Amino acid sequence: MSPEERNVMRQRENLRRQTIQRETEAALRDSGLYLSPQERAQFESRYIQERRKVEQALRQQFETERQKELPALIQQLKKEFQIDQPTKGPATKPAESPKSKK
């Protein structure tokens, strides 16, 4: 990785950490809690930990939905591009759609 790419990645990571820190502070402020420094540190730690779990669950949900939609997209594109191609011989019918395999 080039030095420029490493620098960009560092900047992105710093920006991500700053965003999480701001959102953590906002969550604490919105909670209305008045905590000691030790309790505040615990709150921040738990917030970040639980936020990671939520984000992971959302990524998994998104990936699952994406995987469900891809076969239909592929079939649609296949039909579109088959129309554009000149026929080389007798048209053959696809053996089985990806949806029926599930």
Protein backbone atom coordinates (compact mmCIF):
# COMPACT_ATOMS: atom_id res chain seq x y z
CA MET A 1 0.00 0.00 0.00
CA SER A 2 1.39 3.40 -0.93
CA PRO A 3 2.02 6.08 1.72
CA GLU A 4 -0.87 8.10 0.28
CA GLU A 5 -3.25 5.16 0.62
CA ARG A 6 -2.12 4.56 4.20
CA ASN A 7 -2.64 8.23 4.98
CA VAL A 8 -6.17 8.14 3.52
CA MET A 9 -6.99 5.04 5.56
CA ARG A 10 -5.66 6.71 8.73
CA GLN A 11 -7.78 9.78 8.04
CA ARG A 12 -10.89 7.66 7.49
CA GLU A 13 -10.27 5.75 10.71
CA ASN A 14 -9.77 8.98 12.64
CA LEU A 15 -12.95 10.41 11.18
CA ARG A 16 -14.85 7.24 12.11
CA ARG A 17 -13.55 7.41 15.68
CA GLN A 18 -14.46 11.09 15.97
CA THR A 19 -17.97 10.37 14.71
CA ILE A 20 -18.42 7.54 17.21
CA GLN A 21 -17.08 9.75 20.01
CA ARG A 22 -19.53 12.55 19.14
CA GLU A 23 -22.42 10.10 18.95
CA THR A 24 -21.40 8.52 22.26
CA GLU A 25 -21.37 11.94 23.91
CA ALA A 26 -24.75 12.74 22.36
CA ALA A 27 -26.18 9.44 23.67
CA LEU A 28 -24.93 10.26 27.16
CA ARG A 29 -26.33 13.78 26.95
CA ASP A 30 -29.68 12.50 25.60
CA SER A 31 -29.91 9.95 28.41
CA GLY A 32 -30.04 12.74 30.98
CA LEU A 33 -27.63 10.85 33.22
CA TYR A 34 -25.05 12.64 35.36
CA LEU A 35 -22.19 10.21 35.81
CA SER A 36 -18.86 10.20 37.56
CA PRO A 37 -15.81 9.98 35.29
CA GLN A 38 -15.58 6.23 35.99
CA GLU A 39 -19.27 5.65 35.23
CA ARG A 40 -18.96 7.82 32.14
CA ALA A 41 -16.09 5.66 30.89
CA GLN A 42 -18.18 2.54 31.51
CA PHE A 43 -21.17 4.06 29.73
CA GLU A 44 -19.02 4.98 26.73
CA SER A 45 -17.48 1.53 26.62
CA ARG A 46 -20.86 -0.21 26.75
CA TYR A 47 -22.34 2.18 24.19
CA ILE A 48 -19.54 1.42 21.74
CA GLN A 49 -19.79 -2.31 22.44
CA GLU A 50 -23.56 -2.41 21.91
CA ARG A 51 -23.32 -0.12 18.88
CA ARG A 52 -20.89 -2.58 17.28
CA LYS A 53 -23.40 -5.39 17.84
CA VAL A 54 -26.20 -3.35 16.26
CA GLU A 55 -24.04 -2.43 13.27
CA GLN A 56 -22.97 -6.05 12.79
CA ALA A 57 -26.59 -7.21 12.90
CA LEU A 58 -27.55 -4.56 10.34
CA ARG A 59 -24.67 -5.54 8.05
CA GLN A 60 -25.76 -9.19 8.26
CA GLN A 61 -29.38 -8.25 7.56
CA PHE A 62 -28.32 -6.14 4.59
CA GLU A 63 -26.14 -8.93 3.21
CA THR A 64 -28.97 -11.47 3.58
CA GLU A 65 -31.37 -9.19 1.72
CA ARG A 66 -28.79 -8.51 -0.98
CA GLN A 67 -28.24 -12.24 -1.49
CA LYS A 68 -32.00 -12.76 -1.85
CA GLU A 69 -32.25 -10.08 -4.53
CA LEU A 70 -29.21 -11.03 -6.63
CA PRO A 71 -30.65 -14.08 -8.45
CA ALA A 72 -33.57 -12.03 -9.78
CA LEU A 73 -31.20 -9.27 -10.84
CA ILE A 74 -28.95 -11.74 -12.64
CA GLN A 75 -31.93 -13.27 -14.44
CA GLN A 76 -33.17 -9.84 -15.49
CA LEU A 77 -29.76 -8.88 -16.84
CA LYS A 78 -29.39 -12.23 -18.55
CA LYS A 79 -32.68 -11.68 -20.41
CA GLU A 80 -31.70 -8.13 -21.37
CA PHE A 81 -28.31 -9.13 -22.70
CA GLN A 82 -29.58 -12.22 -24.51
CA ILE A 83 -31.91 -9.98 -26.50
CA ASP A 84 -28.96 -7.82 -27.56
CA GLN A 85 -26.89 -10.79 -28.74
CA PRO A 86 -27.37 -12.21 -32.22
CA THR A 87 -28.64 -15.75 -32.12
CA LYS A 88 -26.00 -18.32 -33.04
CA GLY A 89 -28.32 -21.28 -33.22
CA PRO A 90 -31.46 -22.68 -31.67
CA ALA A 91 -32.32 -20.94 -28.41
CA THR A 92 -31.80 -23.16 -25.41
CA LYS A 93 -33.92 -22.95 -22.35
CA PRO A 94 -32.12 -22.46 -18.98
CA ALA A 95 -32.16 -25.68 -16.99
CA GLU A 96 -33.19 -24.23 -13.63
CA SER A 97 -33.55 -20.82 -12.05
CA PRO A 98 -31.36 -19.99 -9.03
CA LYS A 99 -34.47 -19.37 -6.92
CA SER A 100 -35.66 -22.95 -7.25
CA LYS A 101 -32.38 -24.21 -5.77
CA LYS A 102 -33.13 -22.69 -2.37
